[in-house]
Amino acid sequence: MAHIGLIACASKKRALAAQARDLYDSALFQKSREYVEYNCDSWYVLSAKHGLVTPTEIIAPYEETLNTKSVEERRDWADRVWASLQARL
């Protein structure tokens, strides 16, 4: 059975576009990345703006959070992430 890791995005980001694995600049994200790279067969970032993101996907910095979204918007986001995850697996 494959082990898949999911890491939440972080509000602190680098100033320029980068691979998702390198864009988020927080200690928690970095520790989570180390954990999934060591323990999982593959992993993804859960981006508040982009949904399910591969570690090598290049994305620009953004200011978006699920904390300010309505319940309906968060459910829509979760449905998109779930569909993306199912399609990849």
PDB file of N, CA and C in Angstrom:
ATOM      1  N   MET A   1       0.835  -1.176   0.000  1.00  0.00           N
ATOM      2  CA  MET A   1       0.000   0.000   0.000  1.00  0.00           C
ATOM      3  C   MET A   1       0.886   1.246   0.000  1.00  0.00           C
ATOM      4  N   ALA A   2       0.565   2.197  -0.850  1.00  0.00           N
ATOM      5  CA  ALA A   2       1.325   3.438  -0.940  1.00  0.00           C
ATOM      6  C   ALA A   2       0.927   4.389   0.186  1.00  0.00           C
ATOM      7  N   HIS A   3       1.911   5.083   0.710  1.00  0.00           N
ATOM      8  CA  HIS A   3       1.668   6.098   1.731  1.00  0.00           C
ATOM      9  C   HIS A   3       1.762   7.465   1.068  1.00  0.00           C
ATOM     10  N   ILE A   4       0.695   8.252   1.193  1.00  0.00           N
ATOM     11  CA  ILE A   4       0.630   9.570   0.576  1.00  0.00           C
ATOM     12  C   ILE A   4       0.535  10.615   1.677  1.00  0.00           C
ATOM     13  N   GLY A   5       1.393  11.628   1.594  1.00  0.00           N
ATOM     14  CA  GLY A   5       1.390  12.704   2.576  1.00  0.00           C
ATOM     15  C   GLY A   5       0.707  13.947   2.042  1.00  0.00           C
ATOM     16  N   LEU A   6       0.006  14.638   2.912  1.00  0.00           N
ATOM     17  CA  LEU A   6      -0.630  15.913   2.586  1.00  0.00           C
ATOM     18  C   LEU A   6      -0.150  16.944   3.593  1.00  0.00           C
ATOM     19  N   ILE A   7       0.352  18.076   3.085  1.00  0.00           N
ATOM     20  CA  ILE A   7       0.848  19.140   3.951  1.00  0.00           C
ATOM     21  C   ILE A   7       0.053  20.407   3.680  1.00  0.00           C
ATOM     22  N   ALA A   8      -0.414  21.037   4.732  1.00  0.00           N
ATOM     23  CA  ALA A   8      -1.121  22.311   4.595  1.00  0.00           C
ATOM     24  C   ALA A   8      -0.147  23.408   4.183  1.00  0.00           C
ATOM     25  N   CYS A   9      -0.633  24.319   3.360  1.00  0.00           N
ATOM     26  CA  CYS A   9       0.181  25.474   2.981  1.00  0.00           C
ATOM     27  C   CYS A   9       0.411  26.349   4.208  1.00  0.00           C
ATOM     28  N   ALA A  10       1.212  27.369   4.040  1.00  0.00           N
ATOM     29  CA  ALA A  10       1.523  28.283   5.140  1.00  0.00           C
ATOM     30  C   ALA A  10       1.355  29.719   4.665  1.00  0.00           C
ATOM     31  N   SER A  11       1.063  30.603   5.584  1.00  0.00           N
ATOM     32  CA  SER A  11       0.876  32.002   5.190  1.00  0.00           C
ATOM     33  C   SER A  11       2.196  32.668   4.821  1.00  0.00           C
ATOM     34  N   LYS A  12       3.286  32.249   5.431  1.00  0.00           N
ATOM     35  CA  LYS A  12       4.597  32.834   5.139  1.00  0.00           C
ATOM     36  C   LYS A  12       5.162  32.171   3.884  1.00  0.00           C
ATOM     37  N   LYS A  13       5.430  33.008   2.870  1.00  0.00           N
ATOM     38  CA  LYS A  13       5.913  32.495   1.586  1.00  0.00           C
ATOM     39  C   LYS A  13       7.115  33.302   1.119  1.00  0.00           C
ATOM     40  N   ARG A  14       7.868  32.696   0.232  1.00  0.00           N
ATOM     41  CA  ARG A  14       8.984  33.416  -0.395  1.00  0.00           C
ATOM     42  C   ARG A  14       8.413  34.518  -1.294  1.00  0.00           C
ATOM     43  N   ALA A  15       9.245  35.458  -1.690  1.00  0.00           N
ATOM     44  CA  ALA A  15       8.776  36.618  -2.445  1.00  0.00           C
ATOM     45  C   ALA A  15       8.529  36.318  -3.922  1.00  0.00           C
ATOM     46  N   LEU A  16       9.176  35.286  -4.466  1.00  0.00           N
ATOM     47  CA  LEU A  16       9.067  34.995  -5.894  1.00  0.00           C
ATOM     48  C   LEU A  16       8.471  33.614  -6.119  1.00  0.00           C
ATOM     49  N   ALA A  17       7.954  33.390  -7.313  1.00  0.00           N
ATOM     50  CA  ALA A  17       7.406  32.082  -7.671  1.00  0.00           C
ATOM     51  C   ALA A  17       8.469  31.007  -7.472  1.00  0.00           C
ATOM     52  N   ALA A  18       8.012  29.843  -7.040  1.00  0.00           N
ATOM     53  CA  ALA A  18       8.926  28.727  -6.779  1.00  0.00           C
ATOM     54  C   ALA A  18       8.141  27.428  -6.820  1.00  0.00           C
ATOM     55  N   GLN A  19       8.867  26.313  -6.810  1.00  0.00           N
ATOM     56  CA  GLN A  19       8.193  25.038  -6.677  1.00  0.00           C
ATOM     57  C   GLN A  19       7.469  25.051  -5.332  1.00  0.00           C
ATOM     58  N   ALA A  20       6.320  24.403  -5.284  1.00  0.00           N
ATOM     59  CA  ALA A  20       5.520  24.397  -4.057  1.00  0.00           C
ATOM     60  C   ALA A  20       6.342  23.904  -2.869  1.00  0.00           C
ATOM     61  N   ARG A  21       7.213  22.944  -3.078  1.00  0.00           N
ATOM     62  CA  ARG A  21       8.044  22.411  -1.991  1.00  0.00           C
ATOM     63  C   ARG A  21       8.924  23.485  -1.363  1.00  0.00           C
ATOM     64  N   ASP A  22       9.234  24.540  -2.111  1.00  0.00           N
ATOM     65  CA  ASP A  22      10.133  25.591  -1.638  1.00  0.00           C
ATOM     66  C   ASP A  22       9.446  26.932  -1.394  1.00  0.00           C
ATOM     67  N   LEU A  23       8.191  27.072  -1.807  1.00  0.00           N
ATOM     68  CA  LEU A  23       7.500  28.365  -1.701  1.00  0.00           C
ATOM     69  C   LEU A  23       7.176  28.736  -0.264  1.00  0.00           C
ATOM     70  N   TYR A  24       6.705  27.783   0.495  1.00  0.00           N
ATOM     71  CA  TYR A  24       6.225  28.054   1.859  1.00  0.00           C
ATOM     72  C   TYR A  24       7.400  28.101   2.816  1.00  0.00           C
ATOM     73  N   ASP A  25       7.488  29.185   3.562  1.00  0.00           N
ATOM     74  CA  ASP A  25       8.676  29.483   4.351  1.00  0.00           C
ATOM     75  C   ASP A  25       8.353  29.524   5.849  1.00  0.00           C
ATOM     76  N   SER A  26       7.851  28.405   6.360  1.00  0.00           N
ATOM     77  CA  SER A  26       7.580  28.343   7.797  1.00  0.00           C
ATOM     78  C   SER A  26       8.260  27.102   8.365  1.00  0.00           C
ATOM     79  N   ALA A  27       8.581  27.159   9.638  1.00  0.00           N
ATOM     80  CA  ALA A  27       9.248  26.030  10.285  1.00  0.00           C
ATOM     81  C   ALA A  27       8.364  24.784  10.259  1.00  0.00           C
ATOM     82  N   LEU A  28       7.064  24.953  10.503  1.00  0.00           N
ATOM     83  CA  LEU A  28       6.160  23.803  10.496  1.00  0.00           C
ATOM     84  C   LEU A  28       6.096  23.162   9.115  1.00  0.00           C
ATOM     85  N   PHE A  29       6.017  23.978   8.070  1.00  0.00           N
ATOM     86  CA  PHE A  29       5.982  23.421   6.719  1.00  0.00           C
ATOM     87  C   PHE A  29       7.276  22.661   6.434  1.00  0.00           C
ATOM     88  N   GLN A  30       8.400  23.226   6.795  1.00  0.00           N
ATOM     89  CA  GLN A  30       9.689  22.582   6.531  1.00  0.00           C
ATOM     90  C   GLN A  30       9.804  21.252   7.273  1.00  0.00           C
ATOM     91  N   LYS A  31       9.383  21.212   8.513  1.00  0.00           N
ATOM     92  CA  LYS A  31       9.435  19.956   9.280  1.00  0.00           C
ATOM     93  C   LYS A  31       8.466  18.929   8.692  1.00  0.00           C
ATOM     94  N   SER A  32       7.286  19.388   8.279  1.00  0.00           N
ATOM     95  CA  SER A  32       6.310  18.483   7.659  1.00  0.00           C
ATOM     96  C   SER A  32       6.857  17.933   6.349  1.00  0.00           C
ATOM     97  N   ARG A  33       7.520  18.782   5.582  1.00  0.00           N
ATOM     98  CA  ARG A  33       8.121  18.344   4.320  1.00  0.00           C
ATOM     99  C   ARG A  33       9.172  17.274   4.570  1.00  0.00           C
ATOM    100  N   GLU A  34      10.029  17.508   5.540  1.00  0.00           N
ATOM    101  CA  GLU A  34      11.053  16.509   5.874  1.00  0.00           C
ATOM    102  C   GLU A  34      10.399  15.175   6.239  1.00  0.00           C
ATOM    103  N   TYR A  35       9.329  15.237   7.012  1.00  0.00           N
ATOM    104  CA  TYR A  35       8.645  14.018   7.444  1.00  0.00           C
ATOM    105  C   TYR A  35       8.063  13.257   6.251  1.00  0.00           C
ATOM    106  N   VAL A  36       7.328  13.934   5.384  1.00  0.00           N
ATOM    107  CA  VAL A  36       6.684  13.220   4.270  1.00  0.00           C
ATOM    108  C   VAL A  36       7.706  12.742   3.245  1.00  0.00           C
ATOM    109  N   GLU A  37       8.772  13.491   3.051  1.00  0.00           N
ATOM    110  CA  GLU A  37       9.792  13.033   2.110  1.00  0.00           C
ATOM    111  C   GLU A  37      10.468  11.761   2.605  1.00  0.00           C
ATOM    112  N   TYR A  38      10.587  11.613   3.896  1.00  0.00           N
ATOM    113  CA  TYR A  38      11.224  10.429   4.474  1.00  0.00           C
ATOM    114  C   TYR A  38      10.251   9.254   4.597  1.00  0.00           C
ATOM    115  N   ASN A  39       9.000   9.536   4.926  1.00  0.00           N
ATOM    116  CA  ASN A  39       8.056   8.484   5.291  1.00  0.00           C
ATOM    117  C   ASN A  39       6.994   8.139   4.250  1.00  0.00           C
ATOM    118  N   CYS A  40       6.830   8.936   3.234  1.00  0.00           N
ATOM    119  CA  CYS A  40       5.739   8.724   2.277  1.00  0.00           C
ATOM    120  C   CYS A  40       6.280   8.423   0.880  1.00  0.00           C
ATOM    121  N   ASP A  41       5.476   7.708   0.119  1.00  0.00           N
ATOM    122  CA  ASP A  41       5.852   7.396  -1.262  1.00  0.00           C
ATOM    123  C   ASP A  41       5.673   8.607  -2.169  1.00  0.00           C
ATOM    124  N   SER A  42       4.689   9.416  -1.880  1.00  0.00           N
ATOM    125  CA  SER A  42       4.461  10.670  -2.605  1.00  0.00           C
ATOM    126  C   SER A  42       3.757  11.630  -1.660  1.00  0.00           C
ATOM    127  N   TRP A  43       3.762  12.910  -2.035  1.00  0.00           N
ATOM    128  CA  TRP A  43       3.102  13.891  -1.182  1.00  0.00           C
ATOM    129  C   TRP A  43       2.639  15.080  -1.999  1.00  0.00           C
ATOM    130  N   TYR A  44       1.702  15.822  -1.400  1.00  0.00           N
ATOM    131  CA  TYR A  44       1.105  16.991  -2.045  1.00  0.00           C
ATOM    132  C   TYR A  44       0.956  18.105  -1.021  1.00  0.00           C
ATOM    133  N   VAL A  45       0.847  19.323  -1.546  1.00  0.00           N
ATOM    134  CA  VAL A  45       0.558  20.489  -0.714  1.00  0.00           C
ATOM    135  C   VAL A  45      -0.927  20.802  -0.862  1.00  0.00           C
ATOM    136  N   LEU A  46      -1.571  21.107   0.248  1.00  0.00           N
ATOM    137  CA  LEU A  46      -2.961  21.556   0.232  1.00  0.00           C
ATOM    138  C   LEU A  46      -2.938  23.079   0.256  1.00  0.00           C
ATOM    139  N   SER A  47      -3.108  23.678  -0.908  1.00  0.00           N
ATOM    140  CA  SER A  47      -3.047  25.125  -1.063  1.00  0.00           C
ATOM    141  C   SER A  47      -4.439  25.735  -0.947  1.00  0.00           C
ATOM    142  N   ALA A  48      -4.556  26.779  -0.149  1.00  0.00           N
ATOM    143  CA  ALA A  48      -5.840  27.459  -0.003  1.00  0.00           C
ATOM    144  C   ALA A  48      -6.309  28.045  -1.336  1.00  0.00           C
ATOM    145  N   LYS A  49      -5.381  28.432  -2.185  1.00  0.00           N
ATOM    146  CA  LYS A  49      -5.748  29.038  -3.472  1.00  0.00           C
ATOM    147  C   LYS A  49      -5.840  28.002  -4.588  1.00  0.00           C
ATOM    148  N   HIS A  50      -4.893  27.092  -4.657  1.00  0.00           N
ATOM    149  CA  HIS A  50      -4.777  26.188  -5.805  1.00  0.00           C
ATOM    150  C   HIS A  50      -5.313  24.782  -5.556  1.00  0.00           C
ATOM    151  N   GLY A  51      -5.663  24.464  -4.331  1.00  0.00           N
ATOM    152  CA  GLY A  51      -6.133  23.117  -4.021  1.00  0.00           C
ATOM    153  C   GLY A  51      -4.968  22.158  -3.864  1.00  0.00           C
ATOM    154  N   LEU A  52      -5.058  20.991  -4.499  1.00  0.00           N
ATOM    155  CA  LEU A  52      -4.015  19.965  -4.416  1.00  0.00           C
ATOM    156  C   LEU A  52      -2.882  20.314  -5.375  1.00  0.00           C
ATOM    157  N   VAL A  53      -1.673  20.446  -4.852  1.00  0.00           N
ATOM    158  CA  VAL A  53      -0.527  20.893  -5.644  1.00  0.00           C
ATOM    159  C   VAL A  53       0.609  19.880  -5.489  1.00  0.00           C
ATOM    160  N   THR A  54       1.237  19.519  -6.599  1.00  0.00           N
ATOM    161  CA  THR A  54       2.411  18.649  -6.521  1.00  0.00           C
ATOM    162  C   THR A  54       3.584  19.463  -5.979  1.00  0.00           C
ATOM    163  N   PRO A  55       4.542  18.814  -5.333  1.00  0.00           N
ATOM    164  CA  PRO A  55       5.684  19.543  -4.769  1.00  0.00           C
ATOM    165  C   PRO A  55       6.502  20.301  -5.815  1.00  0.00           C
ATOM    166  N   THR A  56       6.516  19.820  -7.041  1.00  0.00           N
ATOM    167  CA  THR A  56       7.345  20.459  -8.069  1.00  0.00           C
ATOM    168  C   THR A  56       6.583  21.493  -8.903  1.00  0.00           C
ATOM    169  N   GLU A  57       5.302  21.649  -8.654  1.00  0.00           N
ATOM    170  CA  GLU A  57       4.517  22.644  -9.400  1.00  0.00           C
ATOM    171  C   GLU A  57       4.964  24.044  -9.006  1.00  0.00           C
ATOM    172  N   ILE A  58       5.228  24.879  -9.996  1.00  0.00           N
ATOM    173  CA  ILE A  58       5.675  26.242  -9.727  1.00  0.00           C
ATOM    174  C   ILE A  58       4.446  27.131  -9.567  1.00  0.00           C
ATOM    175  N   ILE A  59       4.399  27.810  -8.430  1.00  0.00           N
ATOM    176  CA  ILE A  59       3.304  28.731  -8.162  1.00  0.00           C
ATOM    177  C   ILE A  59       3.863  30.031  -7.597  1.00  0.00           C
ATOM    178  N   ALA A  60       3.137  31.089  -7.849  1.00  0.00           N
ATOM    179  CA  ALA A  60       3.533  32.409  -7.366  1.00  0.00           C
ATOM    180  C   ALA A  60       3.002  32.607  -5.946  1.00  0.00           C
ATOM    181  N   PRO A  61       3.658  33.459  -5.182  1.00  0.00           N
ATOM    182  CA  PRO A  61       3.151  33.763  -3.841  1.00  0.00           C
ATOM    183  C   PRO A  61       1.726  34.320  -3.936  1.00  0.00           C
ATOM    184  N   TYR A  62       0.927  34.065  -2.920  1.00  0.00           N
ATOM    185  CA  TYR A  62      -0.454  34.528  -2.910  1.00  0.00           C
ATOM    186  C   TYR A  62      -0.871  34.790  -1.478  1.00  0.00           C
ATOM    187  N   GLU A  63      -1.910  35.557  -1.331  1.00  0.00           N
ATOM    188  CA  GLU A  63      -2.476  35.853  -0.008  1.00  0.00           C
ATOM    189  C   GLU A  63      -3.908  35.348  -0.008  1.00  0.00           C
ATOM    190  N   GLU A  64      -4.087  34.116   0.376  1.00  0.00           N
ATOM    191  CA  GLU A  64      -5.424  33.530   0.460  1.00  0.00           C
ATOM    192  C   GLU A  64      -5.406  32.492   1.570  1.00  0.00           C
ATOM    193  N   THR A  65      -6.473  32.441   2.317  1.00  0.00           N
ATOM    194  CA  THR A  65      -6.586  31.499   3.422  1.00  0.00           C
ATOM    195  C   THR A  65      -7.996  30.933   3.471  1.00  0.00           C
ATOM    196  N   LEU A  66      -8.106  29.729   3.958  1.00  0.00           N
ATOM    197  CA  LEU A  66      -9.429  29.134   4.136  1.00  0.00           C
ATOM    198  C   LEU A  66     -10.117  29.696   5.375  1.00  0.00           C
ATOM    199  N   ASN A  67      -9.360  30.323   6.261  1.00  0.00           N
ATOM    200  CA  ASN A  67      -9.924  30.857   7.503  1.00  0.00           C
ATOM    201  C   ASN A  67     -10.983  31.923   7.268  1.00  0.00           C
ATOM    202  N   THR A  68     -10.882  32.641   6.172  1.00  0.00           N
ATOM    203  CA  THR A  68     -11.838  33.716   5.893  1.00  0.00           C
ATOM    204  C   THR A  68     -12.951  33.281   4.944  1.00  0.00           C
ATOM    205  N   LYS A  69     -12.923  32.033   4.517  1.00  0.00           N
ATOM    206  CA  LYS A  69     -13.932  31.520   3.579  1.00  0.00           C
ATOM    207  C   LYS A  69     -15.186  31.088   4.337  1.00  0.00           C
ATOM    208  N   SER A  70     -16.301  31.138   3.639  1.00  0.00           N
ATOM    209  CA  SER A  70     -17.554  30.649   4.220  1.00  0.00           C
ATOM    210  C   SER A  70     -17.521  29.122   4.277  1.00  0.00           C
ATOM    211  N   VAL A  71     -18.449  28.549   4.990  1.00  0.00           N
ATOM    212  CA  VAL A  71     -18.548  27.093   5.073  1.00  0.00           C
ATOM    213  C   VAL A  71     -18.748  26.509   3.676  1.00  0.00           C
ATOM    214  N   GLU A  72     -19.587  27.129   2.889  1.00  0.00           N
ATOM    215  CA  GLU A  72     -19.839  26.643   1.526  1.00  0.00           C
ATOM    216  C   GLU A  72     -18.574  26.703   0.669  1.00  0.00           C
ATOM    217  N   GLU A  73     -17.816  27.784   0.771  1.00  0.00           N
ATOM    218  CA  GLU A  73     -16.568  27.908   0.007  1.00  0.00           C
ATOM    219  C   GLU A  73     -15.548  26.854   0.438  1.00  0.00           C
ATOM    220  N   ARG A  74     -15.470  26.587   1.737  1.00  0.00           N
ATOM    221  CA  ARG A  74     -14.544  25.559   2.226  1.00  0.00           C
ATOM    222  C   ARG A  74     -14.977  24.171   1.766  1.00  0.00           C
ATOM    223  N   ARG A  75     -16.270  23.927   1.736  1.00  0.00           N
ATOM    224  CA  ARG A  75     -16.753  22.633   1.228  1.00  0.00           C
ATOM    225  C   ARG A  75     -16.448  22.481  -0.252  1.00  0.00           C
ATOM    226  N   ASP A  76     -16.636  23.549  -1.019  1.00  0.00           N
ATOM    227  CA  ASP A  76     -16.295  23.510  -2.448  1.00  0.00           C
ATOM    228  C   ASP A  76     -14.809  23.227  -2.636  1.00  0.00           C
ATOM    229  N   TRP A  77     -13.968  23.886  -1.827  1.00  0.00           N
ATOM    230  CA  TRP A  77     -12.519  23.670  -1.888  1.00  0.00           C
ATOM    231  C   TRP A  77     -12.211  22.200  -1.579  1.00  0.00           C
ATOM    232  N   ALA A  78     -12.808  21.675  -0.522  1.00  0.00           N
ATOM    233  CA  ALA A  78     -12.564  20.282  -0.126  1.00  0.00           C
ATOM    234  C   ALA A  78     -13.017  19.317  -1.218  1.00  0.00           C
ATOM    235  N   ASP A  79     -14.141  19.596  -1.861  1.00  0.00           N
ATOM    236  CA  ASP A  79     -14.621  18.748  -2.952  1.00  0.00           C
ATOM    237  C   ASP A  79     -13.639  18.755  -4.128  1.00  0.00           C
ATOM    238  N   ARG A  80     -13.096  19.941  -4.445  1.00  0.00           N
ATOM    239  CA  ARG A  80     -12.110  20.030  -5.533  1.00  0.00           C
ATOM    240  C   ARG A  80     -10.847  19.252  -5.195  1.00  0.00           C
ATOM    241  N   VAL A  81     -10.382  19.391  -3.950  1.00  0.00           N
ATOM    242  CA  VAL A  81      -9.175  18.672  -3.519  1.00  0.00           C
ATOM    243  C   VAL A  81      -9.418  17.174  -3.580  1.00  0.00           C
ATOM    244  N   TRP A  82     -10.556  16.728  -3.096  1.00  0.00           N
ATOM    245  CA  TRP A  82     -10.876  15.301  -3.092  1.00  0.00           C
ATOM    246  C   TRP A  82     -10.923  14.761  -4.523  1.00  0.00           C
ATOM    247  N   ALA A  83     -11.557  15.495  -5.432  1.00  0.00           N
ATOM    248  CA  ALA A  83     -11.625  15.073  -6.831  1.00  0.00           C
ATOM    249  C   ALA A  83     -10.233  15.011  -7.456  1.00  0.00           C
ATOM    250  N   SER A  84      -9.391  15.995  -7.148  1.00  0.00           N
ATOM    251  CA  SER A  84      -8.018  16.001  -7.672  1.00  0.00           C
ATOM    252  C   SER A  84      -7.221  14.825  -7.138  1.00  0.00           C
ATOM    253  N   LEU A  85      -7.388  14.531  -5.869  1.00  0.00           N
ATOM    254  CA  LEU A  85      -6.668  13.418  -5.260  1.00  0.00           C
ATOM    255  C   LEU A  85      -7.130  12.087  -5.869  1.00  0.00           C
ATOM    256  N   GLN A  86      -8.410  11.923  -6.035  1.00  0.00           N
ATOM    257  CA  GLN A  86      -8.939  10.698  -6.641  1.00  0.00           C
ATOM    258  C   GLN A  86      -8.432  10.533  -8.064  1.00  0.00           C
ATOM    259  N   ALA A  87      -8.373  11.618  -8.817  1.00  0.00           N
ATOM    260  CA  ALA A  87      -7.909  11.556 -10.210  1.00  0.00           C
ATOM    261  C   ALA A  87      -6.430  11.154 -10.289  1.00  0.00           C
ATOM    262  N   ARG A  88      -5.642  11.593  -9.319  1.00  0.00           N
ATOM    263  CA  ARG A  88      -4.205  11.280  -9.322  1.00  0.00           C
ATOM    264  C   ARG A  88      -3.916   9.857  -8.847  1.00  0.00           C
ATOM    265  N   LEU A  89      -4.835   9.307  -8.063  1.00  0.00           N
ATOM    266  CA  LEU A  89      -4.614   7.980  -7.519  1.00  0.00           C
ATOM    267  C   LEU A  89      -5.388   6.959  -8.314  1.00  0.00           C
TER     268      LEU A  89
END
